[in-house]
Amino acid sequence: MSRDIAGIILAGGLSRRMGGGDKTLLALGGRPLLDHVVARLAPQVGSLVVSANGDPARFAAVQLPVLADTVEGHAGPLAGILTGLEWAAANTVCEALVTAAGDTPFLSADLVARLAAAAASRPGSIAVASSSGRRHPTFALWPLGLRQALRHFLVDEDNRRVSAFIERHDFVEVEFPLSALGGGEIDPFFNINVADDLAVAERLLQSIGP
């Protein structure tokens, strides 16, 4: 566990491709998708919260604080990242925040350790995950000192692109290998966007066994 790093799970998407509603509350292996993400990320951080707008009671089962965006207008994952940075600065002694999407049930058990190690070699930088040559901007380690710059970018410049903010600052990319799972391999950032993805995840869980 990295006690000096806080974590936030981004669960505030509108899930249009799944027909709307809370994608992270869909059942996977008999429990909400979000539970799988919490189980993998919680042991890696000192504090963990969930980013989501609306009634927080619907996430009561995960027993974590639920933070609504501190900017209006459903501004996407960047608003959740900003909310997490501001929360961590005000409520923890952490120096950085790691973010993860709430629809990725197989994320790496060493996500935080590897991002933190990369960031340590470049103080003040953002460490962002990638796999198979593709960057995953919502899986990143963010110095808390970036929160004012991020608020300006999101509110004053009205720019909601996570990658655009990352590229404006010093960053290091961390390549993650495919994970061995159920006798095969899977991208640790495999995310569930449509019903077919959920079916694939269900099969993968069954292949792992009890």
Protein backbone atom coordinates (compact mmCIF):
# COMPACT_ATOMS: atom_id res chain seq x y z
CA MET A 1 0.00 0.00 0.00
CA SER A 2 1.18 3.52 -0.85
CA ARG A 3 -0.07 5.50 2.13
CA ASP A 4 1.07 8.80 0.64
CA ILE A 5 -1.12 8.27 -2.42
CA ALA A 6 -4.90 8.70 -2.49
CA GLY A 7 -7.15 7.07 -5.06
CA ILE A 8 -10.38 7.93 -6.82
CA ILE A 9 -12.52 5.65 -8.96
CA LEU A 10 -14.21 7.51 -11.81
CA ALA A 11 -17.78 6.19 -11.85
CA GLY A 12 -19.66 9.23 -13.11
CA GLY A 13 -20.02 8.41 -16.80
CA LEU A 14 -23.43 8.54 -18.48
CA SER A 15 -22.99 5.00 -19.94
CA ARG A 16 -24.82 5.81 -23.16
CA ARG A 17 -23.53 2.69 -24.92
CA MET A 18 -25.00 0.54 -22.15
CA GLY A 19 -28.38 2.26 -22.40
CA GLY A 20 -27.75 4.80 -19.65
CA GLY A 21 -27.74 4.41 -15.89
CA ASP A 22 -24.86 3.37 -13.68
CA LYS A 23 -22.69 0.96 -15.61
CA THR A 24 -20.53 0.36 -12.56
CA LEU A 25 -23.50 -1.13 -10.69
CA LEU A 26 -24.13 -3.82 -13.30
CA ALA A 27 -23.62 -7.35 -11.97
CA LEU A 28 -20.38 -9.15 -12.77
CA GLY A 29 -19.80 -12.48 -11.08
CA GLY A 30 -22.77 -11.86 -8.81
CA ARG A 31 -21.63 -8.49 -7.50
CA PRO A 32 -21.46 -4.95 -8.85
CA LEU A 33 -18.73 -4.18 -11.36
CA LEU A 34 -17.54 -1.39 -9.07
CA ASP A 35 -16.83 -3.91 -6.31
CA HIS A 36 -14.22 -5.59 -8.49
CA VAL A 37 -12.44 -2.28 -9.11
CA VAL A 38 -12.53 -1.36 -5.41
CA ALA A 39 -11.13 -4.77 -4.44
CA ARG A 40 -8.17 -4.30 -6.76
CA LEU A 41 -7.41 -0.64 -6.08
CA ALA A 42 -8.14 -0.23 -2.36
CA PRO A 43 -5.11 -2.26 -1.17
CA GLN A 44 -2.83 -0.07 -3.28
CA VAL A 45 -3.69 3.36 -1.81
CA GLY A 46 -3.89 5.10 1.53
CA SER A 47 -7.38 6.55 0.97
CA LEU A 48 -10.02 5.77 -1.65
CA VAL A 49 -13.16 7.58 -2.83
CA VAL A 50 -15.63 7.30 -5.69
CA SER A 51 -16.40 10.06 -8.19
CA ALA A 52 -20.08 10.18 -9.18
CA ASN A 53 -22.86 12.73 -9.41
CA GLY A 54 -26.45 12.23 -8.27
CA ASP A 55 -27.71 10.39 -5.21
CA PRO A 56 -24.67 8.87 -3.46
CA ALA A 57 -26.89 6.33 -1.66
CA ARG A 58 -26.88 4.08 -4.71
CA PHE A 59 -23.21 3.35 -4.01
CA ALA A 60 -23.72 2.69 -0.30
CA ALA A 61 -22.70 -0.95 -0.61
CA VAL A 62 -19.07 -0.08 -1.43
CA GLN A 63 -18.76 1.83 1.87
CA LEU A 64 -16.62 4.59 0.41
CA PRO A 65 -17.11 8.37 0.27
CA VAL A 66 -18.83 9.45 -2.96
CA LEU A 67 -17.79 12.82 -4.34
CA ALA A 68 -19.87 14.90 -6.73
CA ASP A 69 -18.02 17.08 -9.24
CA THR A 70 -16.85 20.43 -7.91
CA VAL A 71 -17.60 21.99 -11.31
CA GLU A 72 -21.00 22.01 -12.97
CA GLY A 73 -22.15 20.62 -16.27
CA HIS A 74 -21.14 16.93 -16.22
CA ALA A 75 -17.71 17.87 -17.52
CA GLY A 76 -16.50 14.29 -17.84
CA PRO A 77 -13.61 12.43 -16.22
CA LEU A 78 -11.43 15.52 -15.96
CA ALA A 79 -13.98 16.99 -13.53
CA GLY A 80 -13.74 13.84 -11.43
CA ILE A 81 -9.95 14.06 -11.43
CA LEU A 82 -10.11 17.70 -10.31
CA THR A 83 -12.59 16.80 -7.57
CA GLY A 84 -10.26 14.05 -6.37
CA LEU A 85 -7.23 16.33 -6.32
CA GLU A 86 -9.07 18.99 -4.33
CA TRP A 87 -10.50 16.41 -1.93
CA ALA A 88 -7.11 14.79 -1.32
CA ALA A 89 -5.43 18.15 -0.71
CA ALA A 90 -8.07 19.15 1.85
CA ASN A 91 -8.64 15.81 3.59
CA THR A 92 -5.47 13.72 3.45
CA VAL A 93 -1.71 14.05 3.90
CA CYS A 94 -1.16 12.43 0.52
CA GLU A 95 1.11 13.98 -2.08
CA ALA A 96 -0.50 12.49 -5.17
CA LEU A 97 -3.74 11.01 -6.47
CA VAL A 98 -4.17 7.93 -8.62
CA THR A 99 -7.23 7.68 -10.85
CA ALA A 100 -8.91 4.61 -12.29
CA ALA A 101 -12.03 4.05 -14.36
CA GLY A 102 -14.87 2.23 -12.63
CA ASP A 103 -15.51 -0.18 -15.50
CA THR A 104 -12.15 -2.01 -15.53
CA PRO A 105 -12.50 -5.14 -13.36
CA PHE A 106 -9.06 -6.56 -14.17
CA LEU A 107 -6.82 -3.58 -13.47
CA SER A 108 -3.27 -4.34 -12.38
CA ALA A 109 -2.48 -5.12 -8.76
CA ASP A 110 0.76 -3.14 -9.20
CA LEU A 111 -0.83 -0.15 -10.94
CA VAL A 112 0.00 2.36 -8.20
CA ALA A 113 3.47 1.01 -7.43
CA ARG A 114 4.57 1.18 -11.05
CA LEU A 115 3.09 4.63 -11.67
CA ALA A 116 4.66 5.95 -8.45
CA ALA A 117 8.06 4.52 -9.34
CA ALA A 118 7.96 6.20 -12.74
CA ALA A 119 6.86 9.53 -11.27
CA ALA A 120 9.62 9.39 -8.65
CA SER A 121 12.22 9.61 -11.41
CA ARG A 122 10.56 12.78 -12.72
CA PRO A 123 9.41 14.84 -9.69
CA GLY A 124 6.24 16.81 -10.40
CA SER A 125 5.35 14.77 -13.47
CA ILE A 126 2.14 12.94 -14.28
CA ALA A 127 2.61 9.19 -14.68
CA VAL A 128 0.08 7.74 -17.13
CA ALA A 129 -0.56 4.09 -17.93
CA SER A 130 -0.45 2.52 -21.37
CA SER A 131 -0.80 -0.97 -22.79
CA SER A 132 -0.32 -2.45 -26.25
CA GLY A 133 0.99 0.93 -27.36
CA ARG A 134 -2.17 2.79 -26.33
CA ARG A 135 -2.31 5.41 -23.59
CA HIS A 136 -5.02 5.23 -20.91
CA PRO A 137 -5.30 8.81 -19.61
CA THR A 138 -7.83 8.04 -16.87
CA PHE A 139 -5.30 5.66 -15.28
CA ALA A 140 -2.68 8.06 -14.01
CA LEU A 141 -0.86 9.40 -10.99
CA TRP A 142 -1.38 13.13 -10.52
CA PRO A 143 0.64 15.44 -8.22
CA LEU A 144 -1.76 17.38 -6.00
CA GLY A 145 0.07 20.56 -6.95
CA LEU A 146 -1.59 20.46 -10.37
CA ARG A 147 -5.08 21.10 -9.05
CA GLN A 148 -5.11 24.86 -9.67
CA ALA A 149 -3.78 24.45 -13.20
CA LEU A 150 -6.39 21.78 -13.84
CA ARG A 151 -9.24 23.96 -12.56
CA HIS A 152 -8.09 26.77 -14.86
CA PHE A 153 -7.87 24.36 -17.81
CA LEU A 154 -11.31 22.88 -17.19
CA VAL A 155 -13.25 25.97 -16.09
CA ASP A 156 -11.55 28.99 -17.65
CA GLU A 157 -10.41 27.33 -20.87
CA ASP A 158 -13.43 25.01 -21.01
CA ASN A 159 -11.24 22.13 -22.18
CA ARG A 160 -12.43 18.68 -21.07
CA ARG A 161 -9.83 16.50 -22.77
CA VAL A 162 -7.80 14.51 -20.28
CA SER A 163 -5.03 13.78 -22.79
CA ALA A 164 -4.73 17.47 -23.69
CA PHE A 165 -4.10 18.40 -20.07
CA ILE A 166 -1.55 15.61 -19.64
CA GLU A 167 0.32 16.67 -22.76
CA ARG A 168 0.52 20.25 -21.55
CA HIS A 169 2.55 19.13 -18.54
CA ASP A 170 5.58 16.99 -17.91
CA PHE A 171 4.50 13.35 -18.03
CA VAL A 172 5.94 9.87 -18.19
CA GLU A 173 4.19 6.95 -19.83
CA VAL A 174 4.25 3.54 -18.13
CA GLU A 175 3.66 0.49 -20.32
CA PHE A 176 1.78 -2.38 -18.66
CA PRO A 177 2.00 -5.90 -20.09
CA LEU A 178 -0.98 -8.11 -20.77
CA SER A 179 -2.10 -10.03 -17.69
CA ALA A 180 -2.26 -13.81 -17.51
CA LEU A 181 -5.86 -14.69 -16.74
CA GLY A 182 -7.76 -17.95 -16.96
CA GLY A 183 -5.14 -19.62 -19.13
CA GLY A 184 -5.03 -16.67 -21.54
CA GLU A 185 -4.08 -13.03 -21.60
CA ILE A 186 -6.07 -9.85 -21.21
CA ASP A 187 -5.31 -6.17 -21.28
CA PRO A 188 -5.41 -4.98 -17.64
CA PHE A 189 -7.30 -1.91 -18.82
CA PHE A 190 -10.03 -3.89 -20.57
CA ASN A 191 -13.16 -1.86 -19.94
CA ILE A 192 -16.84 -2.61 -20.23
CA ASN A 193 -18.63 -0.34 -22.67
CA VAL A 194 -21.32 -2.57 -24.20
CA ALA A 195 -23.22 -5.70 -23.23
CA ASP A 196 -20.81 -7.93 -25.17
CA ASP A 197 -17.91 -6.64 -23.05
CA LEU A 198 -19.78 -7.62 -19.90
CA ALA A 199 -20.28 -11.12 -21.31
CA VAL A 200 -16.54 -11.39 -22.05
CA ALA A 201 -15.72 -10.30 -18.50
CA GLU A 202 -18.13 -12.87 -17.11
CA ARG A 203 -16.42 -15.64 -19.06
CA LEU A 204 -13.02 -14.50 -17.88
CA LEU A 205 -14.14 -14.54 -14.26
CA GLN A 206 -15.52 -18.04 -14.66
CA SER A 207 -12.26 -19.22 -16.19
CA ILE A 208 -10.34 -18.01 -13.14
CA GLY A 209 -12.37 -20.27 -10.87
CA PRO A 210 -13.05 -19.88 -7.13
